[in-house]
Amino acid sequence: YWILRTFTRLRKVDAATVAGYYGSDSAGTFVTCVGVL
């Protein structure tokens, strides 16, 4: 959230939502990594 508010033009509400996405994780990326390993 701090990076998005400092370096992008996003509205505060959009920055907060995007920050929430990146503060979570991705099941799709995880399963892909499991497959690669």
ModelCIF file with pLDDT and N, C-alpha, C, O atoms, coordinates in Angstrom:
data_MODEL
#
_entry.id   MODEL 
#
_entity.id                         1 
_entity.type                       polymer 
_entity.pdbx_number_of_molecules   1 
#
_entity_poly.entity_id                      1 
_entity_poly.type                           'polypeptide(L)' 
_entity_poly.nstd_linkage                   no 
_entity_poly.nstd_monomer                   no 
_entity_poly.pdbx_seq_one_letter_code       YWILRTFTRLRKVDAATVAGYYGSDSAGTFVTCVGVL 
_entity_poly.pdbx_seq_one_letter_code_can   YWILRTFTRLRKVDAATVAGYYGSDSAGTFVTCVGVL 
_entity_poly.pdbx_strand_id                 A 
#
loop_
_entity_poly_seq.entity_id 
_entity_poly_seq.num 
_entity_poly_seq.mon_id 
_entity_poly_seq.hetero 
1 1  TYR n 
1 2  TRP n 
1 3  ILE n 
1 4  LEU n 
1 5  ARG n 
1 6  THR n 
1 7  PHE n 
1 8  THR n 
1 9  ARG n 
1 10 LEU n 
1 11 ARG n 
1 12 LYS n 
1 13 VAL n 
1 14 ASP n 
1 15 ALA n 
1 16 ALA n 
1 17 THR n 
1 18 VAL n 
1 19 ALA n 
1 20 GLY n 
1 21 TYR n 
1 22 TYR n 
1 23 GLY n 
1 24 SER n 
1 25 ASP n 
1 26 SER n 
1 27 ALA n 
1 28 GLY n 
1 29 THR n 
1 30 PHE n 
1 31 VAL n 
1 32 THR n 
1 33 CYS n 
1 34 VAL n 
1 35 GLY n 
1 36 VAL n 
1 37 LEU n 
#
_struct_asym.id          A 
_struct_asym.entity_id   1 
#
loop_
_ma_qa_metric.id 
_ma_qa_metric.mode 
_ma_qa_metric.name 
_ma_qa_metric.software_group_id 
_ma_qa_metric.type 
1 global pLDDT . pLDDT 
2 local  pLDDT . pLDDT 
#
_ma_qa_metric_global.metric_id      1 
_ma_qa_metric_global.metric_value   93.32 
_ma_qa_metric_global.model_id       1 
_ma_qa_metric_global.ordinal_id     1 
#
loop_
_ma_qa_metric_local.label_asym_id 
_ma_qa_metric_local.label_comp_id 
_ma_qa_metric_local.label_seq_id 
_ma_qa_metric_local.metric_id 
_ma_qa_metric_local.metric_value 
_ma_qa_metric_local.model_id 
_ma_qa_metric_local.ordinal_id 
A TYR 1  2 97.00 1 1  
A TRP 2  2 97.00 1 2  
A ILE 3  2 97.00 1 3  
A LEU 4  2 96.00 1 4  
A ARG 5  2 94.00 1 5  
A THR 6  2 95.00 1 6  
A PHE 7  2 94.00 1 7  
A THR 8  2 92.00 1 8  
A ARG 9  2 88.00 1 9  
A LEU 10 2 91.00 1 10 
A ARG 11 2 92.00 1 11 
A LYS 12 2 93.00 1 12 
A VAL 13 2 93.00 1 13 
A ASP 14 2 94.00 1 14 
A ALA 15 2 95.00 1 15 
A ALA 16 2 95.00 1 16 
A THR 17 2 95.00 1 17 
A VAL 18 2 96.00 1 18 
A ALA 19 2 96.00 1 19 
A GLY 20 2 95.00 1 20 
A TYR 21 2 95.00 1 21 
A TYR 22 2 96.00 1 22 
A GLY 23 2 95.00 1 23 
A SER 24 2 93.00 1 24 
A ASP 25 2 92.00 1 25 
A SER 26 2 91.00 1 26 
A ALA 27 2 89.00 1 27 
A GLY 28 2 90.00 1 28 
A THR 29 2 93.00 1 29 
A PHE 30 2 94.00 1 30 
A VAL 31 2 91.00 1 31 
A THR 32 2 92.00 1 32 
A CYS 33 2 93.00 1 33 
A VAL 34 2 92.00 1 34 
A GLY 35 2 90.00 1 35 
A VAL 36 2 90.00 1 36 
A LEU 37 2 92.00 1 37 
#
loop_
_atom_site.group_PDB 
_atom_site.id 
_atom_site.type_symbol 
_atom_site.label_atom_id 
_atom_site.label_alt_id 
_atom_site.label_comp_id 
_atom_site.label_asym_id 
_atom_site.label_entity_id 
_atom_site.label_seq_id 
_atom_site.pdbx_PDB_ins_code 
_atom_site.Cartn_x 
_atom_site.Cartn_y 
_atom_site.Cartn_z 
_atom_site.occupancy 
_atom_site.B_iso_or_equiv 
_atom_site.pdbx_formal_charge 
_atom_site.auth_seq_id 
_atom_site.auth_comp_id 
_atom_site.auth_asym_id 
_atom_site.auth_atom_id 
_atom_site.pdbx_PDB_model_num 
ATOM 1   N N  . TYR A 1 1  ? 0.838  -1.211  0.000   1.00 97.00 ? 1  TYR A N  1 
ATOM 2   C CA . TYR A 1 1  ? 0.000  0.000   0.000   1.00 97.00 ? 1  TYR A CA 1 
ATOM 3   C C  . TYR A 1 1  ? 0.868  1.255   0.000   1.00 97.00 ? 1  TYR A C  1 
ATOM 4   O O  . TYR A 1 1  ? 0.587  2.201   -0.735  1.00 97.00 ? 1  TYR A O  1 
ATOM 5   N N  . TRP A 1 2  ? 1.921  1.271   0.818   1.00 97.00 ? 2  TRP A N  1 
ATOM 6   C CA . TRP A 1 2  ? 2.805  2.431   0.868   1.00 97.00 ? 2  TRP A CA 1 
ATOM 7   C C  . TRP A 1 2  ? 3.491  2.657   -0.479  1.00 97.00 ? 2  TRP A C  1 
ATOM 8   O O  . TRP A 1 2  ? 3.603  3.794   -0.936  1.00 97.00 ? 2  TRP A O  1 
ATOM 9   N N  . ILE A 1 3  ? 3.945  1.586   -1.109  1.00 97.00 ? 3  ILE A N  1 
ATOM 10  C CA . ILE A 1 3  ? 4.615  1.715   -2.415  1.00 97.00 ? 3  ILE A CA 1 
ATOM 11  C C  . ILE A 1 3  ? 3.647  2.235   -3.470  1.00 97.00 ? 3  ILE A C  1 
ATOM 12  O O  . ILE A 1 3  ? 3.991  3.119   -4.255  1.00 97.00 ? 3  ILE A O  1 
ATOM 13  N N  . LEU A 1 4  ? 2.446  1.689   -3.486  1.00 96.00 ? 4  LEU A N  1 
ATOM 14  C CA . LEU A 1 4  ? 1.455  2.111   -4.480  1.00 96.00 ? 4  LEU A CA 1 
ATOM 15  C C  . LEU A 1 4  ? 1.054  3.566   -4.293  1.00 96.00 ? 4  LEU A C  1 
ATOM 16  O O  . LEU A 1 4  ? 0.882  4.288   -5.275  1.00 96.00 ? 4  LEU A O  1 
ATOM 17  N N  . ARG A 1 5  ? 0.903  4.005   -3.061  1.00 94.00 ? 5  ARG A N  1 
ATOM 18  C CA . ARG A 1 5  ? 0.534  5.393   -2.798  1.00 94.00 ? 5  ARG A CA 1 
ATOM 19  C C  . ARG A 1 5  ? 1.686  6.344   -3.111  1.00 94.00 ? 5  ARG A C  1 
ATOM 20  O O  . ARG A 1 5  ? 1.456  7.502   -3.461  1.00 94.00 ? 5  ARG A O  1 
ATOM 21  N N  . THR A 1 6  ? 2.919  5.866   -2.987  1.00 95.00 ? 6  THR A N  1 
ATOM 22  C CA . THR A 1 6  ? 4.085  6.727   -3.191  1.00 95.00 ? 6  THR A CA 1 
ATOM 23  C C  . THR A 1 6  ? 4.476  6.832   -4.658  1.00 95.00 ? 6  THR A C  1 
ATOM 24  O O  . THR A 1 6  ? 4.880  7.900   -5.117  1.00 95.00 ? 6  THR A O  1 
ATOM 25  N N  . PHE A 1 7  ? 4.359  5.732   -5.398  1.00 94.00 ? 7  PHE A N  1 
ATOM 26  C CA . PHE A 1 7  ? 4.940  5.707   -6.739  1.00 94.00 ? 7  PHE A CA 1 
ATOM 27  C C  . PHE A 1 7  ? 3.921  5.555   -7.868  1.00 94.00 ? 7  PHE A C  1 
ATOM 28  O O  . PHE A 1 7  ? 4.320  5.566   -9.033  1.00 94.00 ? 7  PHE A O  1 
ATOM 29  N N  . THR A 1 8  ? 2.635  5.417   -7.584  1.00 92.00 ? 8  THR A N  1 
ATOM 30  C CA . THR A 1 8  ? 1.646  5.287   -8.651  1.00 92.00 ? 8  THR A CA 1 
ATOM 31  C C  . THR A 1 8  ? 0.563  6.351   -8.510  1.00 92.00 ? 8  THR A C  1 
ATOM 32  O O  . THR A 1 8  ? 0.515  7.092   -7.529  1.00 92.00 ? 8  THR A O  1 
ATOM 33  N N  . ARG A 1 9  ? -0.301 6.404   -9.513  1.00 88.00 ? 9  ARG A N  1 
ATOM 34  C CA . ARG A 1 9  ? -1.386 7.388   -9.526  1.00 88.00 ? 9  ARG A CA 1 
ATOM 35  C C  . ARG A 1 9  ? -2.727 6.800   -9.095  1.00 88.00 ? 9  ARG A C  1 
ATOM 36  O O  . ARG A 1 9  ? -3.771 7.409   -9.328  1.00 88.00 ? 9  ARG A O  1 
ATOM 37  N N  . LEU A 1 10 ? -2.710 5.640   -8.480  1.00 91.00 ? 10 LEU A N  1 
ATOM 38  C CA . LEU A 1 10 ? -3.953 4.988   -8.078  1.00 91.00 ? 10 LEU A CA 1 
ATOM 39  C C  . LEU A 1 10 ? -4.678 5.781   -6.994  1.00 91.00 ? 10 LEU A C  1 
ATOM 40  O O  . LEU A 1 10 ? -4.055 6.445   -6.166  1.00 91.00 ? 10 LEU A O  1 
ATOM 41  N N  . ARG A 1 11 ? -5.994 5.699   -7.017  1.00 92.00 ? 11 ARG A N  1 
ATOM 42  C CA . ARG A 1 11 ? -6.782 6.232   -5.904  1.00 92.00 ? 11 ARG A CA 1 
ATOM 43  C C  . ARG A 1 11 ? -6.463 5.436   -4.647  1.00 92.00 ? 11 ARG A C  1 
ATOM 44  O O  . ARG A 1 11 ? -5.983 4.305   -4.721  1.00 92.00 ? 11 ARG A O  1 
ATOM 45  N N  . LYS A 1 12 ? -6.735 6.036   -3.496  1.00 93.00 ? 12 LYS A N  1 
ATOM 46  C CA . LYS A 1 12 ? -6.429 5.360   -2.237  1.00 93.00 ? 12 LYS A CA 1 
ATOM 47  C C  . LYS A 1 12 ? -7.168 4.035   -2.122  1.00 93.00 ? 12 LYS A C  1 
ATOM 48  O O  . LYS A 1 12 ? -6.593 3.042   -1.676  1.00 93.00 ? 12 LYS A O  1 
ATOM 49  N N  . VAL A 1 13 ? -8.443 4.008   -2.523  1.00 93.00 ? 13 VAL A N  1 
ATOM 50  C CA . VAL A 1 13 ? -9.231 2.785   -2.383  1.00 93.00 ? 13 VAL A CA 1 
ATOM 51  C C  . VAL A 1 13 ? -8.696 1.694   -3.300  1.00 93.00 ? 13 VAL A C  1 
ATOM 52  O O  . VAL A 1 13 ? -8.683 0.523   -2.920  1.00 93.00 ? 13 VAL A O  1 
ATOM 53  N N  . ASP A 1 14 ? -8.252 2.063   -4.513  1.00 94.00 ? 14 ASP A N  1 
ATOM 54  C CA . ASP A 1 14 ? -7.684 1.078   -5.425  1.00 94.00 ? 14 ASP A CA 1 
ATOM 55  C C  . ASP A 1 14 ? -6.324 0.589   -4.929  1.00 94.00 ? 14 ASP A C  1 
ATOM 56  O O  . ASP A 1 14 ? -6.000 -0.593  -5.048  1.00 94.00 ? 14 ASP A O  1 
ATOM 57  N N  . ALA A 1 15 ? -5.527 1.512   -4.370  1.00 95.00 ? 15 ALA A N  1 
ATOM 58  C CA . ALA A 1 15 ? -4.235 1.118   -3.812  1.00 95.00 ? 15 ALA A CA 1 
ATOM 59  C C  . ALA A 1 15 ? -4.420 0.144   -2.660  1.00 95.00 ? 15 ALA A C  1 
ATOM 60  O O  . ALA A 1 15 ? -3.668 -0.822  -2.538  1.00 95.00 ? 15 ALA A O  1 
ATOM 61  N N  . ALA A 1 16 ? -5.414 0.387   -1.813  1.00 95.00 ? 16 ALA A N  1 
ATOM 62  C CA . ALA A 1 16 ? -5.684 -0.503  -0.687  1.00 95.00 ? 16 ALA A CA 1 
ATOM 63  C C  . ALA A 1 16 ? -6.128 -1.882  -1.171  1.00 95.00 ? 16 ALA A C  1 
ATOM 64  O O  . ALA A 1 16 ? -5.718 -2.903  -0.620  1.00 95.00 ? 16 ALA A O  1 
ATOM 65  N N  . THR A 1 17 ? -6.964 -1.901  -2.200  1.00 95.00 ? 17 THR A N  1 
ATOM 66  C CA . THR A 1 17 ? -7.451 -3.185  -2.722  1.00 95.00 ? 17 THR A CA 1 
ATOM 67  C C  . THR A 1 17 ? -6.326 -3.977  -3.368  1.00 95.00 ? 17 THR A C  1 
ATOM 68  O O  . THR A 1 17 ? -6.195 -5.178  -3.131  1.00 95.00 ? 17 THR A O  1 
ATOM 69  N N  . VAL A 1 18 ? -5.512 -3.312  -4.184  1.00 96.00 ? 18 VAL A N  1 
ATOM 70  C CA . VAL A 1 18 ? -4.379 -3.988  -4.825  1.00 96.00 ? 18 VAL A CA 1 
ATOM 71  C C  . VAL A 1 18 ? -3.405 -4.493  -3.761  1.00 96.00 ? 18 VAL A C  1 
ATOM 72  O O  . VAL A 1 18 ? -2.879 -5.600  -3.874  1.00 96.00 ? 18 VAL A O  1 
ATOM 73  N N  . ALA A 1 19 ? -3.165 -3.683  -2.730  1.00 96.00 ? 19 ALA A N  1 
ATOM 74  C CA . ALA A 1 19 ? -2.282 -4.102  -1.639  1.00 96.00 ? 19 ALA A CA 1 
ATOM 75  C C  . ALA A 1 19 ? -2.816 -5.356  -0.965  1.00 96.00 ? 19 ALA A C  1 
ATOM 76  O O  . ALA A 1 19 ? -2.043 -6.231  -0.574  1.00 96.00 ? 19 ALA A O  1 
ATOM 77  N N  . GLY A 1 20 ? -4.143 -5.448  -0.828  1.00 95.00 ? 20 GLY A N  1 
ATOM 78  C CA . GLY A 1 20 ? -4.746 -6.650  -0.264  1.00 95.00 ? 20 GLY A CA 1 
ATOM 79  C C  . GLY A 1 20 ? -4.478 -7.876  -1.120  1.00 95.00 ? 20 GLY A C  1 
ATOM 80  O O  . GLY A 1 20 ? -4.208 -8.955  -0.594  1.00 95.00 ? 20 GLY A O  1 
ATOM 81  N N  . TYR A 1 21 ? -4.550 -7.716  -2.439  1.00 95.00 ? 21 TYR A N  1 
ATOM 82  C CA . TYR A 1 21 ? -4.252 -8.825  -3.347  1.00 95.00 ? 21 TYR A CA 1 
ATOM 83  C C  . TYR A 1 21 ? -2.824 -9.323  -3.134  1.00 95.00 ? 21 TYR A C  1 
ATOM 84  O O  . TYR A 1 21 ? -2.579 -10.529 -3.103  1.00 95.00 ? 21 TYR A O  1 
ATOM 85  N N  . TYR A 1 22 ? -1.874 -8.377  -2.986  1.00 96.00 ? 22 TYR A N  1 
ATOM 86  C CA . TYR A 1 22 ? -0.461 -8.762  -2.852  1.00 96.00 ? 22 TYR A CA 1 
ATOM 87  C C  . TYR A 1 22 ? -0.118 -9.203  -1.428  1.00 96.00 ? 22 TYR A C  1 
ATOM 88  O O  . TYR A 1 22 ? 0.893  -9.873  -1.220  1.00 96.00 ? 22 TYR A O  1 
ATOM 89  N N  . GLY A 1 23 ? -0.940 -8.838  -0.454  1.00 95.00 ? 23 GLY A N  1 
ATOM 90  C CA . GLY A 1 23 ? -0.749 -9.337  0.899   1.00 95.00 ? 23 GLY A CA 1 
ATOM 91  C C  . GLY A 1 23 ? -1.336 -10.711 1.105   1.00 95.00 ? 23 GLY A C  1 
ATOM 92  O O  . GLY A 1 23 ? -1.193 -11.306 2.174   1.00 95.00 ? 23 GLY A O  1 
ATOM 93  N N  . SER A 1 24 ? -2.000 -11.217 0.074   1.00 93.00 ? 24 SER A N  1 
ATOM 94  C CA . SER A 1 24 ? -2.529 -12.576 0.102   1.00 93.00 ? 24 SER A CA 1 
ATOM 95  C C  . SER A 1 24 ? -1.591 -13.473 -0.708  1.00 93.00 ? 24 SER A C  1 
ATOM 96  O O  . SER A 1 24 ? -0.434 -13.110 -0.918  1.00 93.00 ? 24 SER A O  1 
ATOM 97  N N  . ASP A 1 25 ? -2.056 -14.618 -1.161  1.00 92.00 ? 25 ASP A N  1 
ATOM 98  C CA . ASP A 1 25 ? -1.230 -15.485 -1.994  1.00 92.00 ? 25 ASP A CA 1 
ATOM 99  C C  . ASP A 1 25 ? -2.057 -16.040 -3.138  1.00 92.00 ? 25 ASP A C  1 
ATOM 100 O O  . ASP A 1 25 ? -3.248 -15.751 -3.253  1.00 92.00 ? 25 ASP A O  1 
ATOM 101 N N  . SER A 1 26 ? -1.426 -16.831 -3.976  1.00 91.00 ? 26 SER A N  1 
ATOM 102 C CA . SER A 1 26 ? -2.070 -17.329 -5.188  1.00 91.00 ? 26 SER A CA 1 
ATOM 103 C C  . SER A 1 26 ? -1.995 -18.849 -5.233  1.00 91.00 ? 26 SER A C  1 
ATOM 104 O O  . SER A 1 26 ? -0.909 -19.426 -5.297  1.00 91.00 ? 26 SER A O  1 
ATOM 105 N N  . ALA A 1 27 ? -3.151 -19.488 -5.199  1.00 89.00 ? 27 ALA A N  1 
ATOM 106 C CA . ALA A 1 27 ? -3.189 -20.950 -5.280  1.00 89.00 ? 27 ALA A CA 1 
ATOM 107 C C  . ALA A 1 27 ? -2.658 -21.434 -6.626  1.00 89.00 ? 27 ALA A C  1 
ATOM 108 O O  . ALA A 1 27 ? -1.993 -22.467 -6.696  1.00 89.00 ? 27 ALA A O  1 
ATOM 109 N N  . GLY A 1 28 ? -2.951 -20.691 -7.696  1.00 90.00 ? 28 GLY A N  1 
ATOM 110 C CA . GLY A 1 28 ? -2.483 -21.076 -9.019  1.00 90.00 ? 28 GLY A CA 1 
ATOM 111 C C  . GLY A 1 28 ? -0.972 -21.055 -9.126  1.00 90.00 ? 28 GLY A C  1 
ATOM 112 O O  . GLY A 1 28 ? -0.374 -21.971 -9.688  1.00 90.00 ? 28 GLY A O  1 
ATOM 113 N N  . THR A 1 29 ? -0.347 -20.009 -8.587  1.00 93.00 ? 29 THR A N  1 
ATOM 114 C CA . THR A 1 29 ? 1.120  -19.929 -8.608  1.00 93.00 ? 29 THR A CA 1 
ATOM 115 C C  . THR A 1 29 ? 1.717  -21.019 -7.726  1.00 93.00 ? 29 THR A C  1 
ATOM 116 O O  . THR A 1 29 ? 2.740  -21.612 -8.068  1.00 93.00 ? 29 THR A O  1 
ATOM 117 N N  . PHE A 1 30 ? 1.080  -21.278 -6.601  1.00 94.00 ? 30 PHE A N  1 
ATOM 118 C CA . PHE A 1 30 ? 1.572  -22.317 -5.688  1.00 94.00 ? 30 PHE A CA 1 
ATOM 119 C C  . PHE A 1 30 ? 1.568  -23.686 -6.352  1.00 94.00 ? 30 PHE A C  1 
ATOM 120 O O  . PHE A 1 30 ? 2.559  -24.413 -6.296  1.00 94.00 ? 30 PHE A O  1 
ATOM 121 N N  . VAL A 1 31 ? 0.447  -24.034 -6.982  1.00 91.00 ? 31 VAL A N  1 
ATOM 122 C CA . VAL A 1 31 ? 0.366  -25.366 -7.599  1.00 91.00 ? 31 VAL A CA 1 
ATOM 123 C C  . VAL A 1 31 ? 1.333  -25.468 -8.774  1.00 91.00 ? 31 VAL A C  1 
ATOM 124 O O  . VAL A 1 31 ? 1.881  -26.541 -9.030  1.00 91.00 ? 31 VAL A O  1 
ATOM 125 N N  . THR A 1 32 ? 1.550  -24.369 -9.488  1.00 92.00 ? 32 THR A N  1 
ATOM 126 C CA . THR A 1 32 ? 2.526  -24.382 -10.577 1.00 92.00 ? 32 THR A CA 1 
ATOM 127 C C  . THR A 1 32 ? 3.925  -24.624 -10.033 1.00 92.00 ? 32 THR A C  1 
ATOM 128 O O  . THR A 1 32 ? 4.697  -25.397 -10.601 1.00 92.00 ? 32 THR A O  1 
ATOM 129 N N  . CYS A 1 33 ? 4.245  -23.956 -8.926  1.00 93.00 ? 33 CYS A N  1 
ATOM 130 C CA . CYS A 1 33 ? 5.554  -24.144 -8.297  1.00 93.00 ? 33 CYS A CA 1 
ATOM 131 C C  . CYS A 1 33 ? 5.718  -25.584 -7.806  1.00 93.00 ? 33 CYS A C  1 
ATOM 132 O O  . CYS A 1 33 ? 6.789  -26.174 -7.950  1.00 93.00 ? 33 CYS A O  1 
ATOM 133 N N  . VAL A 1 34 ? 4.666  -26.142 -7.235  1.00 92.00 ? 34 VAL A N  1 
ATOM 134 C CA . VAL A 1 34 ? 4.711  -27.544 -6.806  1.00 92.00 ? 34 VAL A CA 1 
ATOM 135 C C  . VAL A 1 34 ? 5.014  -28.454 -7.999  1.00 92.00 ? 34 VAL A C  1 
ATOM 136 O O  . VAL A 1 34 ? 5.808  -29.389 -7.898  1.00 92.00 ? 34 VAL A O  1 
ATOM 137 N N  . GLY A 1 35 ? 4.361  -28.159 -9.136  1.00 90.00 ? 35 GLY A N  1 
ATOM 138 C CA . GLY A 1 35 ? 4.601  -28.950 -10.334 1.00 90.00 ? 35 GLY A CA 1 
ATOM 139 C C  . GLY A 1 35 ? 6.034  -28.835 -10.823 1.00 90.00 ? 35 GLY A C  1 
ATOM 140 O O  . GLY A 1 35 ? 6.634  -29.833 -11.222 1.00 90.00 ? 35 GLY A O  1 
ATOM 141 N N  . VAL A 1 36 ? 6.591  -27.628 -10.797 1.00 90.00 ? 36 VAL A N  1 
ATOM 142 C CA . VAL A 1 36 ? 7.978  -27.408 -11.229 1.00 90.00 ? 36 VAL A CA 1 
ATOM 143 C C  . VAL A 1 36 ? 8.947  -28.139 -10.302 1.00 90.00 ? 36 VAL A C  1 
ATOM 144 O O  . VAL A 1 36 ? 9.891  -28.780 -10.765 1.00 90.00 ? 36 VAL A O  1 
ATOM 145 N N  . LEU A 1 37 ? 8.711  -28.042 -8.996  1.00 92.00 ? 37 LEU A N  1 
ATOM 146 C CA . LEU A 1 37 ? 9.585  -28.710 -8.033  1.00 92.00 ? 37 LEU A CA 1 
ATOM 147 C C  . LEU A 1 37 ? 9.526  -30.224 -8.192  1.00 92.00 ? 37 LEU A C  1 
ATOM 148 O O  . LEU A 1 37 ? 10.201 -30.949 -7.461  1.00 92.00 ? 37 LEU A O  1 
#
